[in-house]
Amino acid sequence: MIAPGARADVVRVGPLTRTDFVRYAGAGGDFNPIHHDDGFAASAGYPSVFGHGLLTAGILSGFACDWLGRRNLRTYGVRYVAQVWPGDTLILSGEIVRVSENVAEAELRVERESPDGERVVVLRGTASAVCPEADPEEDKK
C-alpha cells in the first residue's frame, strides 16, 4: 500500500554522453546546436554542450511510471533547476508526500553527480497516481 513517506528505490542513469544528447535530438527533433556543438555552446557562454531539458524530464517520467505504475499515473510536472553536462550521472528519487481520496501525490527529484563527485539538483518534479486498491484476501492473512 502506498503511504506518505514511502520512497522509491533510487535509480542512477549514466554517465551521460554527447552521443546521448545527439540521439535525443534525433528522437525529439530538437537540433539546437547548443546541445551538440561545443563551439556554439562556448559562444553562448557555456563551458560545453548540455543535455536537453526534456531528455532529463523524459528519464524522470520513466522513473515515475516504473515506480507508480504507468496506468495509475494521472499528472506529471517538472521544474528545471540546472543543466546536465556530458559525464554527469543522474540520480533519480521520489517520495509520497500525501494520499487522499485514493490518489497519491509524489515529489520527484533528479540530481546530477559530476565526475568529480559534486551533486546538484537539476530537476524537481511532481506526480499523482491512483493508489492500487488493497487486496481483501491479503488483509485476511
N, C-alpha and C. Protein backbone atom coordinates (compact mmCIF):
# COMPACT_ATOMS: atom_id res chain seq x y z
N MET A 1 0.85 -1.19 0.00
CA MET A 1 0.00 0.00 0.00
C MET A 1 0.89 1.25 0.00
N ILE A 2 0.53 2.23 -0.77
CA ILE A 2 1.29 3.47 -0.85
C ILE A 2 0.84 4.37 0.29
N ALA A 3 1.81 4.90 1.05
CA ALA A 3 1.50 5.76 2.18
C ALA A 3 2.48 6.93 2.20
N PRO A 4 2.09 8.05 2.84
CA PRO A 4 3.02 9.18 2.96
C PRO A 4 4.34 8.72 3.57
N GLY A 5 5.41 9.22 3.01
CA GLY A 5 6.75 8.86 3.47
C GLY A 5 7.36 7.70 2.71
N ALA A 6 6.55 6.96 1.93
CA ALA A 6 7.09 5.86 1.14
C ALA A 6 8.03 6.44 0.08
N ARG A 7 9.16 5.78 -0.08
CA ARG A 7 10.17 6.26 -1.03
C ARG A 7 10.41 5.22 -2.12
N ALA A 8 10.70 5.73 -3.30
CA ALA A 8 11.10 4.87 -4.40
C ALA A 8 12.55 4.47 -4.23
N ASP A 9 12.93 3.33 -4.77
CA ASP A 9 14.34 2.97 -4.81
C ASP A 9 15.06 3.98 -5.70
N VAL A 10 16.20 4.44 -5.26
CA VAL A 10 16.98 5.40 -6.03
C VAL A 10 17.52 4.70 -7.28
N VAL A 11 17.48 5.41 -8.41
CA VAL A 11 17.98 4.89 -9.68
C VAL A 11 19.05 5.83 -10.20
N ARG A 12 20.13 5.25 -10.71
CA ARG A 12 21.23 6.04 -11.30
C ARG A 12 21.25 5.78 -12.80
N VAL A 13 21.39 6.86 -13.58
CA VAL A 13 21.43 6.77 -15.04
C VAL A 13 22.69 7.51 -15.51
N GLY A 14 23.50 6.83 -16.28
CA GLY A 14 24.69 7.48 -16.82
C GLY A 14 25.94 6.73 -16.49
N PRO A 15 27.06 7.38 -16.74
CA PRO A 15 27.23 8.78 -17.11
C PRO A 15 26.70 9.06 -18.52
N LEU A 16 26.10 10.25 -18.66
CA LEU A 16 25.56 10.69 -19.94
C LEU A 16 26.68 11.15 -20.86
N THR A 17 26.47 10.97 -22.15
CA THR A 17 27.49 11.34 -23.13
C THR A 17 26.91 12.32 -24.16
N ARG A 18 27.78 12.93 -24.92
CA ARG A 18 27.34 13.78 -26.03
C ARG A 18 26.48 12.96 -27.00
N THR A 19 26.82 11.70 -27.18
CA THR A 19 26.04 10.83 -28.05
C THR A 19 24.60 10.70 -27.54
N ASP A 20 24.43 10.61 -26.22
CA ASP A 20 23.07 10.57 -25.67
C ASP A 20 22.30 11.82 -26.06
N PHE A 21 22.95 12.98 -26.02
CA PHE A 21 22.29 14.24 -26.36
C PHE A 21 21.90 14.26 -27.84
N VAL A 22 22.81 13.78 -28.70
CA VAL A 22 22.53 13.76 -30.13
C VAL A 22 21.42 12.76 -30.45
N ARG A 23 21.45 11.61 -29.80
CA ARG A 23 20.38 10.63 -30.02
C ARG A 23 19.03 11.19 -29.60
N TYR A 24 18.99 11.93 -28.48
CA TYR A 24 17.74 12.55 -28.06
C TYR A 24 17.31 13.60 -29.08
N ALA A 25 18.26 14.38 -29.60
CA ALA A 25 17.93 15.40 -30.60
C ALA A 25 17.25 14.75 -31.80
N GLY A 26 17.77 13.61 -32.24
CA GLY A 26 17.16 12.90 -33.37
C GLY A 26 15.77 12.40 -33.06
N ALA A 27 15.59 11.88 -31.85
CA ALA A 27 14.27 11.36 -31.47
C ALA A 27 13.26 12.48 -31.26
N GLY A 28 13.73 13.58 -30.67
CA GLY A 28 12.81 14.67 -30.33
C GLY A 28 12.73 15.76 -31.38
N GLY A 29 13.65 15.75 -32.36
CA GLY A 29 13.62 16.74 -33.42
C GLY A 29 14.15 18.11 -33.01
N ASP A 30 14.87 18.18 -31.90
CA ASP A 30 15.43 19.45 -31.43
C ASP A 30 16.92 19.46 -31.70
N PHE A 31 17.31 20.08 -32.81
CA PHE A 31 18.71 20.09 -33.22
C PHE A 31 19.40 21.41 -32.90
N ASN A 32 18.99 22.07 -31.83
CA ASN A 32 19.66 23.30 -31.40
C ASN A 32 21.14 22.96 -31.18
N PRO A 33 22.05 23.66 -31.85
CA PRO A 33 23.48 23.31 -31.74
C PRO A 33 24.05 23.47 -30.34
N ILE A 34 23.35 24.13 -29.45
CA ILE A 34 23.85 24.27 -28.07
C ILE A 34 23.96 22.91 -27.38
N HIS A 35 23.27 21.90 -27.94
CA HIS A 35 23.28 20.56 -27.34
C HIS A 35 24.30 19.61 -27.99
N HIS A 36 24.96 20.05 -29.10
CA HIS A 36 25.90 19.14 -29.76
C HIS A 36 27.14 19.80 -30.34
N ASP A 37 27.20 21.13 -30.34
CA ASP A 37 28.32 21.84 -30.95
C ASP A 37 29.05 22.66 -29.87
N ASP A 38 30.25 22.19 -29.47
CA ASP A 38 30.98 22.85 -28.39
C ASP A 38 31.30 24.32 -28.71
N GLY A 39 31.66 24.61 -29.97
CA GLY A 39 31.96 26.00 -30.34
C GLY A 39 30.74 26.90 -30.18
N PHE A 40 29.59 26.41 -30.60
CA PHE A 40 28.36 27.19 -30.45
C PHE A 40 28.03 27.40 -28.98
N ALA A 41 28.14 26.33 -28.19
CA ALA A 41 27.86 26.43 -26.75
C ALA A 41 28.81 27.43 -26.09
N ALA A 42 30.08 27.40 -26.46
CA ALA A 42 31.06 28.35 -25.90
C ALA A 42 30.71 29.78 -26.29
N SER A 43 30.27 30.00 -27.54
CA SER A 43 29.92 31.36 -27.98
C SER A 43 28.69 31.89 -27.24
N ALA A 44 27.89 30.98 -26.69
CA ALA A 44 26.72 31.38 -25.91
C ALA A 44 27.05 31.51 -24.42
N GLY A 45 28.33 31.28 -24.05
CA GLY A 45 28.76 31.46 -22.67
C GLY A 45 28.74 30.21 -21.81
N TYR A 46 28.58 29.04 -22.42
CA TYR A 46 28.55 27.78 -21.66
C TYR A 46 29.90 27.08 -21.78
N PRO A 47 30.28 26.31 -20.77
CA PRO A 47 31.57 25.62 -20.83
C PRO A 47 31.58 24.44 -21.79
N SER A 48 30.40 23.96 -22.17
CA SER A 48 30.29 22.78 -23.01
C SER A 48 28.85 22.68 -23.50
N VAL A 49 28.61 21.70 -24.36
CA VAL A 49 27.23 21.38 -24.70
C VAL A 49 26.54 20.85 -23.44
N PHE A 50 25.22 20.87 -23.43
CA PHE A 50 24.48 20.32 -22.29
C PHE A 50 23.23 19.62 -22.79
N GLY A 51 22.69 18.75 -21.95
CA GLY A 51 21.54 17.94 -22.32
C GLY A 51 20.26 18.75 -22.43
N HIS A 52 19.38 18.29 -23.27
CA HIS A 52 18.06 18.87 -23.41
C HIS A 52 17.29 18.71 -22.09
N GLY A 53 16.57 19.74 -21.69
CA GLY A 53 15.73 19.62 -20.50
C GLY A 53 14.73 18.49 -20.62
N LEU A 54 14.15 18.34 -21.82
CA LEU A 54 13.15 17.28 -22.00
C LEU A 54 13.77 15.88 -21.96
N LEU A 55 15.07 15.76 -22.24
CA LEU A 55 15.73 14.47 -22.07
C LEU A 55 15.68 14.07 -20.60
N THR A 56 16.07 14.99 -19.73
CA THR A 56 16.06 14.73 -18.29
C THR A 56 14.63 14.50 -17.80
N ALA A 57 13.68 15.32 -18.26
CA ALA A 57 12.28 15.15 -17.86
C ALA A 57 11.73 13.81 -18.32
N GLY A 58 12.14 13.39 -19.51
CA GLY A 58 11.69 12.08 -20.01
C GLY A 58 12.24 10.93 -19.20
N ILE A 59 13.51 11.03 -18.81
CA ILE A 59 14.10 9.99 -17.97
C ILE A 59 13.35 9.92 -16.64
N LEU A 60 13.03 11.09 -16.07
CA LEU A 60 12.30 11.11 -14.80
C LEU A 60 10.89 10.57 -14.98
N SER A 61 10.24 10.84 -16.11
CA SER A 61 8.88 10.32 -16.31
C SER A 61 8.89 8.80 -16.37
N GLY A 62 9.91 8.21 -16.98
CA GLY A 62 10.03 6.75 -16.99
C GLY A 62 10.18 6.19 -15.59
N PHE A 63 10.97 6.88 -14.78
CA PHE A 63 11.16 6.50 -13.38
C PHE A 63 9.81 6.54 -12.64
N ALA A 64 9.05 7.63 -12.84
CA ALA A 64 7.74 7.77 -12.18
C ALA A 64 6.79 6.66 -12.61
N CYS A 65 6.79 6.34 -13.89
CA CYS A 65 5.92 5.27 -14.39
C CYS A 65 6.31 3.91 -13.82
N ASP A 66 7.60 3.65 -13.75
CA ASP A 66 8.06 2.38 -13.18
C ASP A 66 7.67 2.26 -11.71
N TRP A 67 7.78 3.36 -10.98
CA TRP A 67 7.51 3.35 -9.54
C TRP A 67 6.02 3.33 -9.24
N LEU A 68 5.28 4.23 -9.85
CA LEU A 68 3.86 4.41 -9.51
C LEU A 68 2.92 3.60 -10.39
N GLY A 69 3.42 3.10 -11.49
CA GLY A 69 2.60 2.34 -12.43
C GLY A 69 2.08 3.24 -13.53
N ARG A 70 2.47 2.92 -14.76
CA ARG A 70 2.09 3.75 -15.91
C ARG A 70 0.58 3.96 -15.99
N ARG A 71 -0.19 2.92 -15.75
CA ARG A 71 -1.65 3.04 -15.85
C ARG A 71 -2.24 3.82 -14.69
N ASN A 72 -1.52 3.93 -13.60
CA ASN A 72 -2.01 4.66 -12.42
C ASN A 72 -1.73 6.16 -12.50
N LEU A 73 -0.72 6.55 -13.27
CA LEU A 73 -0.26 7.94 -13.31
C LEU A 73 -1.36 8.85 -13.86
N ARG A 74 -1.61 9.95 -13.15
CA ARG A 74 -2.64 10.91 -13.57
C ARG A 74 -2.07 12.27 -13.93
N THR A 75 -1.04 12.73 -13.20
CA THR A 75 -0.41 14.01 -13.52
C THR A 75 1.09 13.88 -13.39
N TYR A 76 1.79 14.74 -14.11
CA TYR A 76 3.25 14.76 -14.05
C TYR A 76 3.68 16.17 -14.44
N GLY A 77 4.57 16.76 -13.67
CA GLY A 77 5.08 18.08 -13.98
C GLY A 77 6.50 18.23 -13.49
N VAL A 78 7.25 19.13 -14.12
CA VAL A 78 8.64 19.33 -13.72
C VAL A 78 8.98 20.82 -13.70
N ARG A 79 10.05 21.11 -12.96
CA ARG A 79 10.64 22.45 -12.94
C ARG A 79 12.14 22.27 -13.10
N TYR A 80 12.69 22.90 -14.13
CA TYR A 80 14.12 22.80 -14.41
C TYR A 80 14.89 23.70 -13.46
N VAL A 81 16.01 23.18 -12.94
CA VAL A 81 16.82 23.92 -11.98
C VAL A 81 18.22 24.19 -12.53
N ALA A 82 18.81 23.24 -13.25
CA ALA A 82 20.18 23.39 -13.75
C ALA A 82 20.40 22.48 -14.95
N GLN A 83 21.50 22.71 -15.67
CA GLN A 83 21.84 21.91 -16.83
C GLN A 83 22.46 20.57 -16.43
N VAL A 84 22.43 19.66 -17.40
CA VAL A 84 23.10 18.36 -17.28
C VAL A 84 24.21 18.35 -18.33
N TRP A 85 25.42 18.00 -17.90
CA TRP A 85 26.61 18.06 -18.74
C TRP A 85 27.09 16.67 -19.13
N PRO A 86 27.85 16.57 -20.20
CA PRO A 86 28.45 15.27 -20.53
C PRO A 86 29.28 14.76 -19.35
N GLY A 87 29.16 13.49 -19.07
CA GLY A 87 29.88 12.88 -17.95
C GLY A 87 29.09 12.82 -16.67
N ASP A 88 27.98 13.56 -16.58
CA ASP A 88 27.16 13.54 -15.37
C ASP A 88 26.38 12.23 -15.27
N THR A 89 26.17 11.78 -14.05
CA THR A 89 25.28 10.66 -13.76
C THR A 89 24.05 11.24 -13.09
N LEU A 90 22.87 10.82 -13.55
CA LEU A 90 21.62 11.29 -12.95
C LEU A 90 21.23 10.37 -11.81
N ILE A 91 20.78 10.97 -10.71
CA ILE A 91 20.32 10.22 -9.55
C ILE A 91 18.85 10.58 -9.35
N LEU A 92 17.97 9.61 -9.56
CA LEU A 92 16.52 9.83 -9.52
C LEU A 92 15.95 9.30 -8.21
N SER A 93 15.06 10.09 -7.61
CA SER A 93 14.44 9.67 -6.35
C SER A 93 13.01 10.20 -6.28
N GLY A 94 12.23 9.62 -5.38
CA GLY A 94 10.85 10.05 -5.21
C GLY A 94 10.32 9.67 -3.85
N GLU A 95 9.36 10.47 -3.40
CA GLU A 95 8.73 10.22 -2.09
C GLU A 95 7.25 10.58 -2.18
N ILE A 96 6.42 9.74 -1.59
CA ILE A 96 4.98 10.04 -1.48
C ILE A 96 4.82 11.08 -0.38
N VAL A 97 4.19 12.19 -0.69
CA VAL A 97 4.03 13.26 0.29
C VAL A 97 2.61 13.35 0.84
N ARG A 98 1.66 12.78 0.11
CA ARG A 98 0.27 12.89 0.55
C ARG A 98 -0.55 11.82 -0.15
N VAL A 99 -1.54 11.29 0.54
CA VAL A 99 -2.51 10.38 -0.06
C VAL A 99 -3.88 10.84 0.39
N SER A 100 -4.75 11.09 -0.58
CA SER A 100 -6.12 11.47 -0.24
C SER A 100 -7.05 10.98 -1.34
N GLU A 101 -8.19 10.50 -0.93
CA GLU A 101 -9.21 10.02 -1.85
C GLU A 101 -8.63 9.07 -2.90
N ASN A 102 -7.81 8.13 -2.45
CA ASN A 102 -7.23 7.09 -3.29
C ASN A 102 -6.25 7.63 -4.34
N VAL A 103 -5.74 8.83 -4.14
CA VAL A 103 -4.73 9.39 -5.05
C VAL A 103 -3.48 9.73 -4.23
N ALA A 104 -2.36 9.22 -4.69
CA ALA A 104 -1.07 9.51 -4.05
C ALA A 104 -0.40 10.65 -4.80
N GLU A 105 0.15 11.59 -4.04
CA GLU A 105 0.92 12.68 -4.63
C GLU A 105 2.38 12.48 -4.25
N ALA A 106 3.24 12.57 -5.25
CA ALA A 106 4.66 12.31 -5.03
C ALA A 106 5.49 13.52 -5.44
N GLU A 107 6.59 13.71 -4.73
CA GLU A 107 7.61 14.66 -5.14
C GLU A 107 8.76 13.85 -5.73
N LEU A 108 9.23 14.29 -6.87
CA LEU A 108 10.30 13.62 -7.59
C LEU A 108 11.50 14.56 -7.69
N ARG A 109 12.66 13.97 -7.90
CA ARG A 109 13.85 14.82 -7.96
C ARG A 109 14.94 14.12 -8.78
N VAL A 110 15.67 14.95 -9.52
CA VAL A 110 16.85 14.46 -10.23
C VAL A 110 18.03 15.30 -9.80
N GLU A 111 19.07 14.62 -9.34
CA GLU A 111 20.34 15.29 -9.05
C GLU A 111 21.33 14.83 -10.10
N ARG A 112 22.28 15.70 -10.40
CA ARG A 112 23.37 15.26 -11.26
C ARG A 112 24.59 15.09 -10.37
N GLU A 113 25.34 14.06 -10.66
CA GLU A 113 26.61 13.85 -9.97
C GLU A 113 27.69 13.95 -11.04
N SER A 114 28.55 14.95 -10.90
CA SER A 114 29.61 15.16 -11.89
C SER A 114 30.72 14.14 -11.65
N PRO A 115 31.61 13.98 -12.64
CA PRO A 115 32.71 13.03 -12.47
C PRO A 115 33.55 13.29 -11.23
N ASP A 116 33.60 14.55 -10.75
CA ASP A 116 34.39 14.85 -9.54
C ASP A 116 33.58 14.66 -8.25
N GLY A 117 32.35 14.16 -8.37
CA GLY A 117 31.54 13.85 -7.18
C GLY A 117 30.61 14.95 -6.73
N GLU A 118 30.65 16.13 -7.37
CA GLU A 118 29.73 17.22 -6.99
C GLU A 118 28.30 16.81 -7.34
N ARG A 119 27.37 17.07 -6.41
CA ARG A 119 25.96 16.76 -6.65
C ARG A 119 25.14 18.04 -6.62
N VAL A 120 24.27 18.19 -7.63
CA VAL A 120 23.42 19.37 -7.78
C VAL A 120 22.03 18.92 -8.23
N VAL A 121 20.99 19.49 -7.65
CA VAL A 121 19.63 19.21 -8.12
C VAL A 121 19.46 19.87 -9.48
N VAL A 122 18.98 19.12 -10.47
CA VAL A 122 18.78 19.68 -11.81
C VAL A 122 17.31 19.72 -12.20
N LEU A 123 16.47 18.94 -11.54
CA LEU A 123 15.07 18.87 -11.91
C LEU A 123 14.25 18.48 -10.69
N ARG A 124 13.16 19.19 -10.47
CA ARG A 124 12.21 18.82 -9.43
C ARG A 124 10.90 18.49 -10.13
N GLY A 125 10.24 17.46 -9.67
CA GLY A 125 9.01 17.06 -10.32
C GLY A 125 7.94 16.69 -9.32
N THR A 126 6.73 16.59 -9.84
CA THR A 126 5.59 16.12 -9.06
C THR A 126 4.81 15.13 -9.91
N ALA A 127 4.14 14.24 -9.25
CA ALA A 127 3.28 13.29 -9.96
C ALA A 127 2.14 12.92 -9.03
N SER A 128 1.03 12.55 -9.62
CA SER A 128 -0.05 11.97 -8.83
C SER A 128 -0.48 10.69 -9.51
N ALA A 129 -0.88 9.73 -8.71
CA ALA A 129 -1.25 8.42 -9.24
C ALA A 129 -2.38 7.84 -8.40
N VAL A 130 -3.26 7.13 -9.07
CA VAL A 130 -4.31 6.41 -8.38
C VAL A 130 -3.65 5.29 -7.60
N CYS A 131 -4.01 5.16 -6.33
CA CYS A 131 -3.44 4.10 -5.50
C CYS A 131 -4.10 2.77 -5.85
N PRO A 132 -3.33 1.72 -5.97
CA PRO A 132 -3.94 0.42 -6.19
C PRO A 132 -4.82 0.06 -5.00
N GLU A 133 -5.94 -0.54 -5.29
CA GLU A 133 -6.84 -0.97 -4.21
C GLU A 133 -6.19 -2.08 -3.40
N ALA A 134 -6.44 -2.08 -2.12
CA ALA A 134 -5.94 -3.15 -1.25
C ALA A 134 -6.65 -4.45 -1.61
N ASP A 135 -5.91 -5.54 -1.58
CA ASP A 135 -6.47 -6.86 -1.86
C ASP A 135 -7.12 -7.38 -0.59
N PRO A 136 -8.46 -7.54 -0.56
CA PRO A 136 -9.13 -8.01 0.66
C PRO A 136 -8.63 -9.37 1.13
N GLU A 137 -8.21 -10.24 0.21
CA GLU A 137 -7.68 -11.54 0.58
C GLU A 137 -6.36 -11.40 1.32
N GLU A 138 -5.58 -10.38 0.94
CA GLU A 138 -4.29 -10.13 1.59
C GLU A 138 -4.50 -9.71 3.04
N ASP A 139 -5.59 -8.95 3.30
CA ASP A 139 -5.88 -8.49 4.66
C ASP A 139 -6.23 -9.64 5.59
N LYS A 140 -6.73 -10.75 5.06
CA LYS A 140 -7.14 -11.90 5.88
C LYS A 140 -5.94 -12.73 6.33
N LYS A 141 -4.80 -12.55 5.70
CA LYS A 141 -3.61 -13.37 6.03
C LYS A 141 -2.93 -12.89 7.28
